[in-house]
Amino acid sequence: QVQLVESGGGLVQAGGSLRLSCAASGRIYDSYFVSWFRQAPGKEREFVAAIRYSGEGTWFAESVRGRFTISKDSAKSLVWLQMNSLKPEDTAVYYCATSPPRIGETLYSSAIYNYWGKGTQVTVSS
């Protein structure tokens, strides 16, 4: 079993920054993807960013590329999502998820992820 706990959400003005953390525990291996998804009211859950649990390899949605970074703190088993230049359209519940790599399936799809956190709310005011 794997447990994921997100923290760091809040209310911020447009142009501001927030840093989210995902604390991972349990049987999670370096090859696993740890990803961030978000879901705004009335919209489908969408991929934001991913990193291998080893800390190697990063992937971003086009909508956040250049504004968000993802990193791994190995000492603390944390995955960080640094969000800069935030926009009102970034408002959503942000979820951390993890999955082993699956041949023939894309890490951008929420369907491949076995384990999810409960989410943390990010609200960006205009």
Foldseek 3Di string as FASTA:
>chain_A
DKAKAKDWADEEAAQAKTKMKIAMDDDADQQKKKFKWWDDPPGDIWTAKIAGLVFDDIDGDPVQPPFWDWGADVVRNMIMIIGGRDDQVVWTWMKIFMAHDDPPDDPGDPVRTDDIYPTDTHGYHD
